Amino acid sequence: YTKHLFDNRYGTGQSALDGILRATNLLIAGKTVVVAGYGWCGRGV
């Protein structure tokens, strides 16, 4: 519980978007983001 509820959800949610922002320097607001999969990682993203 102290791994997937936090690492997979809050960790992946924040760090995946962080990686995209660092790589692209683009704005997320106003865009359509397609998330494939709605497990704990997908929920977080």
PDB file of all heavy atoms in Angstrom:
ATOM      1  N   TYR A   1       0.827  -1.211   0.000  1.00  0.00           N
ATOM      2  CA  TYR A   1       0.000   0.000   0.000  1.00  0.00           C
ATOM      3  C   TYR A   1       0.856   1.255   0.000  1.00  0.00           C
ATOM      4  O   TYR A   1       0.552   2.231  -0.701  1.00  0.00           O
ATOM      5  CB  TYR A   1      -0.934   0.008   1.218  1.00  0.00           C
ATOM      6  CG  TYR A   1      -2.050  -1.003   1.132  1.00  0.00           C
ATOM      7  CD1 TYR A   1      -2.026  -2.169   1.899  1.00  0.00           C
ATOM      8  CD2 TYR A   1      -3.145  -0.798   0.299  1.00  0.00           C
ATOM      9  CE1 TYR A   1      -3.052  -3.106   1.829  1.00  0.00           C
ATOM     10  CE2 TYR A   1      -4.177  -1.720   0.215  1.00  0.00           C
ATOM     11  CZ  TYR A   1      -4.118  -2.869   0.980  1.00  0.00           C
ATOM     12  OH  TYR A   1      -5.130  -3.799   0.891  1.00  0.00           O
ATOM     13  N   THR A   2       1.921   1.249   0.780  1.00  0.00           N
ATOM     14  CA  THR A   2       2.775   2.436   0.876  1.00  0.00           C
ATOM     15  C   THR A   2       3.705   2.574  -0.318  1.00  0.00           C
ATOM     16  O   THR A   2       4.509   3.499  -0.372  1.00  0.00           O
ATOM     17  CB  THR A   2       3.600   2.421   2.177  1.00  0.00           C
ATOM     18  OG1 THR A   2       4.180   1.118   2.364  1.00  0.00           O
ATOM     19  CG2 THR A   2       2.741   2.771   3.369  1.00  0.00           C
ATOM     20  N   LYS A   3       3.575   1.660  -1.295  1.00  0.00           N
ATOM     21  CA  LYS A   3       4.281   1.822  -2.556  1.00  0.00           C
ATOM     22  C   LYS A   3       3.304   2.274  -3.637  1.00  0.00           C
ATOM     23  O   LYS A   3       3.351   3.410  -4.099  1.00  0.00           O
ATOM     24  CB  LYS A   3       4.981   0.506  -2.947  1.00  0.00           C
ATOM     25  CG  LYS A   3       6.062   0.659  -4.016  1.00  0.00           C
ATOM     26  CD  LYS A   3       5.539   0.718  -5.429  1.00  0.00           C
ATOM     27  CE  LYS A   3       6.631   0.773  -6.461  1.00  0.00           C
ATOM     28  NZ  LYS A   3       6.090   0.879  -7.843  1.00  0.00           N
ATOM     29  N   HIS A   4       2.377   1.404  -4.041  1.00  0.00           N
ATOM     30  CA  HIS A   4       1.608   1.711  -5.252  1.00  0.00           C
ATOM     31  C   HIS A   4       0.617   2.854  -5.082  1.00  0.00           C
ATOM     32  O   HIS A   4       0.340   3.574  -6.028  1.00  0.00           O
ATOM     33  CB  HIS A   4       0.914   0.454  -5.796  1.00  0.00           C
ATOM     34  CG  HIS A   4      -0.273  -0.017  -5.015  1.00  0.00           C
ATOM     35  ND1 HIS A   4      -0.188  -1.003  -4.058  1.00  0.00           N
ATOM     36  CD2 HIS A   4      -1.581   0.346  -5.053  1.00  0.00           C
ATOM     37  CE1 HIS A   4      -1.385  -1.230  -3.557  1.00  0.00           C
ATOM     38  NE2 HIS A   4      -2.245  -0.424  -4.133  1.00  0.00           N
ATOM     39  N   LEU A   5       0.080   3.045  -3.877  1.00  0.00           N
ATOM     40  CA  LEU A   5      -0.854   4.151  -3.688  1.00  0.00           C
ATOM     41  C   LEU A   5      -0.168   5.510  -3.777  1.00  0.00           C
ATOM     42  O   LEU A   5      -0.819   6.530  -4.033  1.00  0.00           O
ATOM     43  CB  LEU A   5      -1.562   4.026  -2.339  1.00  0.00           C
ATOM     44  CG  LEU A   5      -2.551   2.867  -2.185  1.00  0.00           C
ATOM     45  CD1 LEU A   5      -3.145   2.868  -0.785  1.00  0.00           C
ATOM     46  CD2 LEU A   5      -3.662   2.950  -3.223  1.00  0.00           C
ATOM     47  N   PHE A   6       1.136   5.531  -3.568  1.00  0.00           N
ATOM     48  CA  PHE A   6       1.869   6.792  -3.519  1.00  0.00           C
ATOM     49  C   PHE A   6       2.888   6.902  -4.649  1.00  0.00           C
ATOM     50  O   PHE A   6       2.874   7.860  -5.426  1.00  0.00           O
ATOM     51  CB  PHE A   6       2.543   6.934  -2.150  1.00  0.00           C
ATOM     52  CG  PHE A   6       1.558   6.870  -1.020  1.00  0.00           C
ATOM     53  CD1 PHE A   6       1.252   5.662  -0.408  1.00  0.00           C
ATOM     54  CD2 PHE A   6       0.895   8.013  -0.603  1.00  0.00           C
ATOM     55  CE1 PHE A   6       0.312   5.593   0.620  1.00  0.00           C
ATOM     56  CE2 PHE A   6      -0.043   7.958   0.415  1.00  0.00           C
ATOM     57  CZ  PHE A   6      -0.342   6.740   1.029  1.00  0.00           C
ATOM     58  N   ASP A   7       3.762   5.914  -4.769  1.00  0.00           N
ATOM     59  CA  ASP A   7       4.769   5.889  -5.831  1.00  0.00           C
ATOM     60  C   ASP A   7       4.098   5.872  -7.204  1.00  0.00           C
ATOM     61  O   ASP A   7       4.329   6.743  -8.054  1.00  0.00           O
ATOM     62  CB  ASP A   7       5.641   4.651  -5.617  1.00  0.00           C
ATOM     63  CG  ASP A   7       6.733   4.451  -6.655  1.00  0.00           C
ATOM     64  OD1 ASP A   7       6.472   4.658  -7.852  1.00  0.00           O
ATOM     65  OD2 ASP A   7       7.840   4.045  -6.281  1.00  0.00           O
ATOM     66  N   ASN A   8       3.236   4.896  -7.437  1.00  0.00           N
ATOM     67  CA  ASN A   8       2.607   4.739  -8.752  1.00  0.00           C
ATOM     68  C   ASN A   8       1.689   5.904  -9.088  1.00  0.00           C
ATOM     69  O   ASN A   8       1.644   6.361 -10.235  1.00  0.00           O
ATOM     70  CB  ASN A   8       1.820   3.428  -8.809  1.00  0.00           C
ATOM     71  CG  ASN A   8       2.707   2.212  -8.639  1.00  0.00           C
ATOM     72  OD1 ASN A   8       3.746   2.271  -8.013  1.00  0.00           O
ATOM     73  ND2 ASN A   8       2.280   1.091  -9.180  1.00  0.00           N
ATOM     74  N   ARG A   9       0.949   6.384  -8.091  1.00  0.00           N
ATOM     75  CA  ARG A   9      -0.034   7.439  -8.355  1.00  0.00           C
ATOM     76  C   ARG A   9       0.602   8.834  -8.280  1.00  0.00           C
ATOM     77  O   ARG A   9       0.688   9.536  -9.290  1.00  0.00           O
ATOM     78  CB  ARG A   9      -1.200   7.332  -7.366  1.00  0.00           C
ATOM     79  CG  ARG A   9      -2.218   8.454  -7.529  1.00  0.00           C
ATOM     80  CD  ARG A   9      -3.517   8.202  -6.787  1.00  0.00           C
ATOM     81  NE  ARG A   9      -3.352   7.683  -5.441  1.00  0.00           N
ATOM     82  CZ  ARG A   9      -4.363   7.526  -4.584  1.00  0.00           C
ATOM     83  NH1 ARG A   9      -5.584   7.858  -4.955  1.00  0.00           N
ATOM     84  NH2 ARG A   9      -4.155   7.040  -3.390  1.00  0.00           N
ATOM     85  N   TYR A  10       1.068   9.237  -7.107  1.00  0.00           N
ATOM     86  CA  TYR A  10       1.599  10.592  -6.958  1.00  0.00           C
ATOM     87  C   TYR A  10       2.996  10.730  -7.565  1.00  0.00           C
ATOM     88  O   TYR A  10       3.343  11.776  -8.112  1.00  0.00           O
ATOM     89  CB  TYR A  10       1.619  10.987  -5.482  1.00  0.00           C
ATOM     90  CG  TYR A  10       0.247  10.930  -4.849  1.00  0.00           C
ATOM     91  CD1 TYR A  10      -0.076   9.947  -3.922  1.00  0.00           C
ATOM     92  CD2 TYR A  10      -0.737  11.850  -5.215  1.00  0.00           C
ATOM     93  CE1 TYR A  10      -1.340   9.880  -3.358  1.00  0.00           C
ATOM     94  CE2 TYR A  10      -2.013  11.782  -4.658  1.00  0.00           C
ATOM     95  CZ  TYR A  10      -2.305  10.797  -3.725  1.00  0.00           C
ATOM     96  OH  TYR A  10      -3.561  10.724  -3.182  1.00  0.00           O
ATOM     97  N   GLY A  11       3.791   9.671  -7.470  1.00  0.00           N
ATOM     98  CA  GLY A  11       5.132   9.718  -8.045  1.00  0.00           C
ATOM     99  C   GLY A  11       5.100   9.779  -9.558  1.00  0.00           C
ATOM    100  O   GLY A  11       5.636  10.707 -10.171  1.00  0.00           O
ATOM    101  N   THR A  12       4.456   8.788 -10.191  1.00  0.00           N
ATOM    102  CA  THR A  12       4.370   8.773 -11.656  1.00  0.00           C
ATOM    103  C   THR A  12       3.594   9.972 -12.174  1.00  0.00           C
ATOM    104  O   THR A  12       3.963  10.570 -13.188  1.00  0.00           O
ATOM    105  CB  THR A  12       3.718   7.470 -12.144  1.00  0.00           C
ATOM    106  OG1 THR A  12       4.428   6.350 -11.616  1.00  0.00           O
ATOM    107  CG2 THR A  12       3.713   7.393 -13.665  1.00  0.00           C
ATOM    108  N   GLY A  13       2.524  10.338 -11.471  1.00  0.00           N
ATOM    109  CA  GLY A  13       1.730  11.480 -11.899  1.00  0.00           C
ATOM    110  C   GLY A  13       2.561  12.737 -12.029  1.00  0.00           C
ATOM    111  O   GLY A  13       2.503  13.447 -13.045  1.00  0.00           O
ATOM    112  N   GLN A  14       3.366  13.020 -11.014  1.00  0.00           N
ATOM    113  CA  GLN A  14       4.188  14.237 -11.048  1.00  0.00           C
ATOM    114  C   GLN A  14       5.387  14.087 -11.970  1.00  0.00           C
ATOM    115  O   GLN A  14       5.674  14.967 -12.785  1.00  0.00           O
ATOM    116  CB  GLN A  14       4.670  14.587  -9.634  1.00  0.00           C
ATOM    117  CG  GLN A  14       5.585  15.812  -9.594  1.00  0.00           C
ATOM    118  CD  GLN A  14       5.886  16.276  -8.189  1.00  0.00           C
ATOM    119  OE1 GLN A  14       4.983  16.387  -7.347  1.00  0.00           O
ATOM    120  NE2 GLN A  14       7.146  16.560  -7.898  1.00  0.00           N
ATOM    121  N   SER A  15       6.101  12.964 -11.862  1.00  0.00           N
ATOM    122  CA  SER A  15       7.381  12.855 -12.573  1.00  0.00           C
ATOM    123  C   SER A  15       7.199  12.670 -14.079  1.00  0.00           C
ATOM    124  O   SER A  15       8.036  13.124 -14.872  1.00  0.00           O
ATOM    125  CB  SER A  15       8.219  11.712 -12.001  1.00  0.00           C
ATOM    126  OG  SER A  15       7.609  10.451 -12.200  1.00  0.00           O
ATOM    127  N   ALA A  16       6.104  12.016 -14.503  1.00  0.00           N
ATOM    128  CA  ALA A  16       5.874  11.869 -15.945  1.00  0.00           C
ATOM    129  C   ALA A  16       5.626  13.227 -16.593  1.00  0.00           C
ATOM    130  O   ALA A  16       6.178  13.542 -17.657  1.00  0.00           O
ATOM    131  CB  ALA A  16       4.700  10.926 -16.205  1.00  0.00           C
ATOM    132  N   LEU A  17       4.799  14.041 -15.953  1.00  0.00           N
ATOM    133  CA  LEU A  17       4.549  15.383 -16.482  1.00  0.00           C
ATOM    134  C   LEU A  17       5.807  16.236 -16.402  1.00  0.00           C
ATOM    135  O   LEU A  17       6.083  17.041 -17.300  1.00  0.00           O
ATOM    136  CB  LEU A  17       3.396  16.039 -15.723  1.00  0.00           C
ATOM    137  CG  LEU A  17       1.964  15.807 -16.244  1.00  0.00           C
ATOM    138  CD1 LEU A  17       1.804  16.379 -17.647  1.00  0.00           C
ATOM    139  CD2 LEU A  17       1.568  14.353 -16.229  1.00  0.00           C
ATOM    140  N   ASP A  18       6.597  16.044 -15.347  1.00  0.00           N
ATOM    141  CA  ASP A  18       7.869  16.757 -15.210  1.00  0.00           C
ATOM    142  C   ASP A  18       8.791  16.431 -16.383  1.00  0.00           C
ATOM    143  O   ASP A  18       9.406  17.320 -16.989  1.00  0.00           O
ATOM    144  CB  ASP A  18       8.532  16.370 -13.884  1.00  0.00           C
ATOM    145  CG  ASP A  18       9.862  17.065 -13.654  1.00  0.00           C
ATOM    146  OD1 ASP A  18      10.038  18.207 -14.129  1.00  0.00           O
ATOM    147  OD2 ASP A  18      10.729  16.469 -12.988  1.00  0.00           O
ATOM    148  N   GLY A  19       8.872  15.154 -16.746  1.00  0.00           N
ATOM    149  CA  GLY A  19       9.715  14.745 -17.865  1.00  0.00           C
ATOM    150  C   GLY A  19       9.258  15.353 -19.179  1.00  0.00           C
ATOM    151  O   GLY A  19      10.077  15.806 -19.994  1.00  0.00           O
ATOM    152  N   ILE A  20       7.945  15.386 -19.399  1.00  0.00           N
ATOM    153  CA  ILE A  20       7.403  15.964 -20.633  1.00  0.00           C
ATOM    154  C   ILE A  20       7.685  17.463 -20.693  1.00  0.00           C
ATOM    155  O   ILE A  20       8.103  17.997 -21.732  1.00  0.00           O
ATOM    156  CB  ILE A  20       5.889  15.685 -20.722  1.00  0.00           C
ATOM    157  CG1 ILE A  20       5.647  14.186 -20.929  1.00  0.00           C
ATOM    158  CG2 ILE A  20       5.243  16.485 -21.855  1.00  0.00           C
ATOM    159  CD1 ILE A  20       4.212  13.752 -20.742  1.00  0.00           C
ATOM    160  N   LEU A  21       7.498  18.138 -19.572  1.00  0.00           N
ATOM    161  CA  LEU A  21       7.737  19.581 -19.539  1.00  0.00           C
ATOM    162  C   LEU A  21       9.213  19.915 -19.753  1.00  0.00           C
ATOM    163  O   LEU A  21       9.551  20.852 -20.486  1.00  0.00           O
ATOM    164  CB  LEU A  21       7.252  20.155 -18.202  1.00  0.00           C
ATOM    165  CG  LEU A  21       5.732  20.169 -18.003  1.00  0.00           C
ATOM    166  CD1 LEU A  21       5.377  20.504 -16.563  1.00  0.00           C
ATOM    167  CD2 LEU A  21       5.078  21.168 -18.946  1.00  0.00           C
ATOM    168  N   ARG A  22      10.102  19.153 -19.131  1.00  0.00           N
ATOM    169  CA  ARG A  22      11.538  19.410 -19.307  1.00  0.00           C
ATOM    170  C   ARG A  22      11.970  19.161 -20.747  1.00  0.00           C
ATOM    171  O   ARG A  22      12.789  19.895 -21.298  1.00  0.00           O
ATOM    172  CB  ARG A  22      12.351  18.518 -18.371  1.00  0.00           C
ATOM    173  CG  ARG A  22      12.243  18.889 -16.912  1.00  0.00           C
ATOM    174  CD  ARG A  22      13.426  18.335 -16.159  1.00  0.00           C
ATOM    175  NE  ARG A  22      13.127  18.075 -14.766  1.00  0.00           N
ATOM    176  CZ  ARG A  22      14.032  17.666 -13.881  1.00  0.00           C
ATOM    177  NH1 ARG A  22      15.281  17.457 -14.258  1.00  0.00           N
ATOM    178  NH2 ARG A  22      13.683  17.440 -12.622  1.00  0.00           N
ATOM    179  N   ALA A  23      11.423  18.107 -21.345  1.00  0.00           N
ATOM    180  CA  ALA A  23      11.843  17.751 -22.704  1.00  0.00           C
ATOM    181  C   ALA A  23      11.320  18.735 -23.743  1.00  0.00           C
ATOM    182  O   ALA A  23      12.014  19.045 -24.716  1.00  0.00           O
ATOM    183  CB  ALA A  23      11.366  16.336 -23.043  1.00  0.00           C
ATOM    184  N   THR A  24      10.095  19.238 -23.540  1.00  0.00           N
ATOM    185  CA  THR A  24       9.440  20.020 -24.599  1.00  0.00           C
ATOM    186  C   THR A  24       9.372  21.518 -24.341  1.00  0.00           C
ATOM    187  O   THR A  24       9.300  22.308 -25.282  1.00  0.00           O
ATOM    188  CB  THR A  24       8.002  19.514 -24.810  1.00  0.00           C
ATOM    189  OG1 THR A  24       7.229  19.782 -23.622  1.00  0.00           O
ATOM    190  CG2 THR A  24       7.980  18.024 -25.119  1.00  0.00           C
ATOM    191  N   ASN A  25       9.331  21.916 -23.061  1.00  0.00           N
ATOM    192  CA  ASN A  25       9.122  23.325 -22.702  1.00  0.00           C
ATOM    193  C   ASN A  25       7.819  23.855 -23.289  1.00  0.00           C
ATOM    194  O   ASN A  25       7.722  25.015 -23.693  1.00  0.00           O
ATOM    195  CB  ASN A  25      10.306  24.194 -23.156  1.00  0.00           C
ATOM    196  CG  ASN A  25      10.282  25.581 -22.526  1.00  0.00           C
ATOM    197  OD1 ASN A  25       9.821  25.751 -21.394  1.00  0.00           O
ATOM    198  ND2 ASN A  25      10.754  26.581 -23.254  1.00  0.00           N
ATOM    199  N   LEU A  26       6.790  23.010 -23.335  1.00  0.00           N
ATOM    200  CA  LEU A  26       5.487  23.393 -23.876  1.00  0.00           C
ATOM    201  C   LEU A  26       4.446  23.488 -22.764  1.00  0.00           C
ATOM    202  O   LEU A  26       4.593  22.918 -21.683  1.00  0.00           O
ATOM    203  CB  LEU A  26       5.032  22.379 -24.926  1.00  0.00           C
ATOM    204  CG  LEU A  26       5.895  22.281 -26.192  1.00  0.00           C
ATOM    205  CD1 LEU A  26       5.341  21.203 -27.116  1.00  0.00           C
ATOM    206  CD2 LEU A  26       5.967  23.621 -26.916  1.00  0.00           C
ATOM    207  N   LEU A  27       3.371  24.209 -23.060  1.00  0.00           N
ATOM    208  CA  LEU A  27       2.277  24.396 -22.122  1.00  0.00           C
ATOM    209  C   LEU A  27       1.338  23.193 -22.151  1.00  0.00           C
ATOM    210  O   LEU A  27       0.999  22.686 -23.224  1.00  0.00           O
ATOM    211  CB  LEU A  27       1.506  25.662 -22.505  1.00  0.00           C
ATOM    212  CG  LEU A  27       0.395  26.134 -21.557  1.00  0.00           C
ATOM    213  CD1 LEU A  27       0.994  26.609 -20.239  1.00  0.00           C
ATOM    214  CD2 LEU A  27      -0.408  27.249 -22.223  1.00  0.00           C
ATOM    215  N   ILE A  28       0.928  22.737 -20.982  1.00  0.00           N
ATOM    216  CA  ILE A  28      -0.042  21.642 -20.892  1.00  0.00           C
ATOM    217  C   ILE A  28      -1.473  22.186 -20.956  1.00  0.00           C
ATOM    218  O   ILE A  28      -2.348  21.577 -21.572  1.00  0.00           O
ATOM    219  CB  ILE A  28       0.160  20.844 -19.592  1.00  0.00           C
ATOM    220  CG1 ILE A  28       1.574  20.248 -19.533  1.00  0.00           C
ATOM    221  CG2 ILE A  28      -0.889  19.741 -19.461  1.00  0.00           C
ATOM    222  CD1 ILE A  28       1.864  19.203 -20.573  1.00  0.00           C
ATOM    223  N   ALA A  29      -1.707  23.317 -20.324  1.00  0.00           N
ATOM    224  CA  ALA A  29      -3.049  23.906 -20.277  1.00  0.00           C
ATOM    225  C   ALA A  29      -3.598  24.120 -21.681  1.00  0.00           C
ATOM    226  O   ALA A  29      -2.913  24.610 -22.574  1.00  0.00           O
ATOM    227  CB  ALA A  29      -3.000  25.235 -19.525  1.00  0.00           C
ATOM    228  N   GLY A  30      -4.850  23.704 -21.852  1.00  0.00           N
ATOM    229  CA  GLY A  30      -5.518  23.886 -23.137  1.00  0.00           C
ATOM    230  C   GLY A  30      -5.307  22.763 -24.122  1.00  0.00           C
ATOM    231  O   GLY A  30      -5.956  22.719 -25.173  1.00  0.00           O
ATOM    232  N   LYS A  31      -4.420  21.831 -23.808  1.00  0.00           N
ATOM    233  CA  LYS A  31      -4.157  20.703 -24.705  1.00  0.00           C
ATOM    234  C   LYS A  31      -5.004  19.493 -24.309  1.00  0.00           C
ATOM    235  O   LYS A  31      -5.467  19.382 -23.170  1.00  0.00           O
ATOM    236  CB  LYS A  31      -2.671  20.341 -24.685  1.00  0.00           C
ATOM    237  CG  LYS A  31      -1.773  21.362 -25.385  1.00  0.00           C
ATOM    238  CD  LYS A  31      -0.344  20.867 -25.461  1.00  0.00           C
ATOM    239  CE  LYS A  31       0.503  21.792 -26.346  1.00  0.00           C
ATOM    240  NZ  LYS A  31       0.617  23.147 -25.822  1.00  0.00           N
ATOM    241  N   THR A  32      -5.179  18.592 -25.261  1.00  0.00           N
ATOM    242  CA  THR A  32      -5.835  17.320 -24.980  1.00  0.00           C
ATOM    243  C   THR A  32      -4.759  16.271 -24.711  1.00  0.00           C
ATOM    244  O   THR A  32      -3.930  15.989 -25.574  1.00  0.00           O
ATOM    245  CB  THR A  32      -6.707  16.875 -26.168  1.00  0.00           C
ATOM    246  OG1 THR A  32      -7.738  17.855 -26.376  1.00  0.00           O
ATOM    247  CG2 THR A  32      -7.358  15.522 -25.894  1.00  0.00           C
ATOM    248  N   VAL A  33      -4.773  15.739 -23.503  1.00  0.00           N
ATOM    249  CA  VAL A  33      -3.795  14.724 -23.092  1.00  0.00           C
ATOM    250  C   VAL A  33      -4.499  13.373 -23.037  1.00  0.00           C
ATOM    251  O   VAL A  33      -5.494  13.210 -22.323  1.00  0.00           O
ATOM    252  CB  VAL A  33      -3.177  15.060 -21.720  1.00  0.00           C
ATOM    253  CG1 VAL A  33      -2.294  13.909 -21.235  1.00  0.00           C
ATOM    254  CG2 VAL A  33      -2.365  16.345 -21.807  1.00  0.00           C
ATOM    255  N   VAL A  34      -3.997  12.430 -23.805  1.00  0.00           N
ATOM    256  CA  VAL A  34      -4.555  11.078 -23.833  1.00  0.00           C
ATOM    257  C   VAL A  34      -3.706  10.184 -22.933  1.00  0.00           C
ATOM    258  O   VAL A  34      -2.501  10.038 -23.150  1.00  0.00           O
ATOM    259  CB  VAL A  34      -4.584  10.516 -25.269  1.00  0.00           C
ATOM    260  CG1 VAL A  34      -5.113   9.081 -25.263  1.00  0.00           C
ATOM    261  CG2 VAL A  34      -5.429  11.403 -26.171  1.00  0.00           C
ATOM    262  N   VAL A  35      -4.334   9.604 -21.920  1.00  0.00           N
ATOM    263  CA  VAL A  35      -3.654   8.711 -20.987  1.00  0.00           C
ATOM    264  C   VAL A  35      -4.101   7.284 -21.278  1.00  0.00           C
ATOM    265  O   VAL A  35      -5.288   6.959 -21.136  1.00  0.00           O
ATOM    266  CB  VAL A  35      -3.959   9.084 -19.521  1.00  0.00           C
ATOM    267  CG1 VAL A  35      -3.242   8.122 -18.567  1.00  0.00           C
ATOM    268  CG2 VAL A  35      -3.551  10.528 -19.235  1.00  0.00           C
ATOM    269  N   ALA A  36      -3.166   6.446 -21.680  1.00  0.00           N
ATOM    270  CA  ALA A  36      -3.479   5.050 -21.977  1.00  0.00           C
ATOM    271  C   ALA A  36      -3.276   4.220 -20.714  1.00  0.00           C
ATOM    272  O   ALA A  36      -2.160   4.086 -20.219  1.00  0.00           O
ATOM    273  CB  ALA A  36      -2.585   4.544 -23.102  1.00  0.00           C
ATOM    274  N   GLY A  37      -4.355   3.684 -20.197  1.00  0.00           N
ATOM    275  CA  GLY A  37      -4.296   2.884 -18.980  1.00  0.00           C
ATOM    276  C   GLY A  37      -4.744   3.686 -17.773  1.00  0.00           C
ATOM    277  O   GLY A  37      -4.342   4.842 -17.601  1.00  0.00           O
ATOM    278  N   TYR A  38      -5.590   3.079 -16.932  1.00  0.00           N
ATOM    279  CA  TYR A  38      -6.087   3.777 -15.742  1.00  0.00           C
ATOM    280  C   TYR A  38      -5.874   2.930 -14.490  1.00  0.00           C
ATOM    281  O   TYR A  38      -6.736   2.809 -13.629  1.00  0.00           O
ATOM    282  CB  TYR A  38      -7.570   4.140 -15.909  1.00  0.00           C
ATOM    283  CG  TYR A  38      -8.005   5.312 -15.054  1.00  0.00           C
ATOM    284  CD1 TYR A  38      -7.514   6.588 -15.295  1.00  0.00           C
ATOM    285  CD2 TYR A  38      -8.909   5.137 -14.011  1.00  0.00           C
ATOM    286  CE1 TYR A  38      -7.911   7.665 -14.515  1.00  0.00           C
ATOM    287  CE2 TYR A  38      -9.326   6.203 -13.219  1.00  0.00           C
ATOM    288  CZ  TYR A  38      -8.814   7.467 -13.481  1.00  0.00           C
ATOM    289  OH  TYR A  38      -9.215   8.540 -12.698  1.00  0.00           O
ATOM    290  N   GLY A  39      -4.665   2.332 -14.430  1.00  0.00           N
ATOM    291  CA  GLY A  39      -4.220   1.755 -13.167  1.00  0.00           C
ATOM    292  C   GLY A  39      -3.753   2.888 -12.276  1.00  0.00           C
ATOM    293  O   GLY A  39      -4.054   4.058 -12.513  1.00  0.00           O
ATOM    294  N   TRP A  40      -2.961   2.573 -11.261  1.00  0.00           N
ATOM    295  CA  TRP A  40      -2.536   3.628 -10.333  1.00  0.00           C
ATOM    296  C   TRP A  40      -1.644   4.657 -11.017  1.00  0.00           C
ATOM    297  O   TRP A  40      -1.729   5.861 -10.718  1.00  0.00           O
ATOM    298  CB  TRP A  40      -1.857   3.018  -9.122  1.00  0.00           C
ATOM    299  CG  TRP A  40      -2.819   2.305  -8.229  1.00  0.00           C
ATOM    300  CD1 TRP A  40      -2.942   0.959  -8.042  1.00  0.00           C
ATOM    301  CD2 TRP A  40      -3.856   2.911  -7.447  1.00  0.00           C
ATOM    302  NE1 TRP A  40      -3.979   0.685  -7.185  1.00  0.00           N
ATOM    303  CE2 TRP A  40      -4.554   1.864  -6.808  1.00  0.00           C
ATOM    304  CE3 TRP A  40      -4.261   4.231  -7.224  1.00  0.00           C
ATOM    305  CZ2 TRP A  40      -5.630   2.099  -5.951  1.00  0.00           C
ATOM    306  CZ3 TRP A  40      -5.341   4.462  -6.361  1.00  0.00           C
ATOM    307  CH2 TRP A  40      -6.009   3.399  -5.742  1.00  0.00           C
ATOM    308  N   CYS A  41      -0.801   4.221 -11.944  1.00  0.00           N
ATOM    309  CA  CYS A  41       0.038   5.180 -12.681  1.00  0.00           C
ATOM    310  C   CYS A  41      -0.821   6.075 -13.565  1.00  0.00           C
ATOM    311  O   CYS A  41      -0.653   7.300 -13.587  1.00  0.00           O
ATOM    312  CB  CYS A  41       1.083   4.448 -13.518  1.00  0.00           C
ATOM    313  SG  CYS A  41       2.344   3.589 -12.549  1.00  0.00           S
ATOM    314  N   GLY A  42      -1.750   5.478 -14.301  1.00  0.00           N
ATOM    315  CA  GLY A  42      -2.625   6.249 -15.168  1.00  0.00           C
ATOM    316  C   GLY A  42      -3.488   7.229 -14.387  1.00  0.00           C
ATOM    317  O   GLY A  42      -3.715   8.368 -14.820  1.00  0.00           O
ATOM    318  N   ARG A  43      -3.989   6.794 -13.224  1.00  0.00           N
ATOM    319  CA  ARG A  43      -4.768   7.688 -12.375  1.00  0.00           C
ATOM    320  C   ARG A  43      -3.958   8.937 -12.015  1.00  0.00           C
ATOM    321  O   ARG A  43      -4.451  10.062 -12.064  1.00  0.00           O
ATOM    322  CB  ARG A  43      -5.179   6.976 -11.086  1.00  0.00           C
ATOM    323  CG  ARG A  43      -6.246   5.922 -11.226  1.00  0.00           C
ATOM    324  CD  ARG A  43      -6.490   5.300  -9.852  1.00  0.00           C
ATOM    325  NE  ARG A  43      -7.549   4.313  -9.857  1.00  0.00           N
ATOM    326  CZ  ARG A  43      -7.383   3.008 -10.037  1.00  0.00           C
ATOM    327  NH1 ARG A  43      -6.159   2.543 -10.267  1.00  0.00           N
ATOM    328  NH2 ARG A  43      -8.398   2.175 -10.005  1.00  0.00           N
ATOM    329  N   GLY A  44      -2.706   8.693 -11.622  1.00  0.00           N
ATOM    330  CA  GLY A  44      -1.850   9.809 -11.219  1.00  0.00           C
ATOM    331  C   GLY A  44      -1.562  10.767 -12.356  1.00  0.00           C
ATOM    332  O   GLY A  44      -1.612  11.994 -12.190  1.00  0.00           O
ATOM    333  N   VAL A  45      -1.264  10.221 -13.534  1.00  0.00           N
ATOM    334  CA  VAL A  45      -0.961  11.061 -14.698  1.00  0.00           C
ATOM    335  C   VAL A  45      -2.201  11.866 -15.103  1.00  0.00           C
ATOM    336  O   VAL A  45      -2.107  13.074 -15.379  1.00  0.00           O
ATOM    337  CB  VAL A  45      -0.461  10.197 -15.877  1.00  0.00           C
ATOM    338  CG1 VAL A  45      -0.362  11.032 -17.153  1.00  0.00           C
ATOM    339  CG2 VAL A  45       0.907   9.595 -15.541  1.00  0.00           C
TER     340      VAL A  45
END
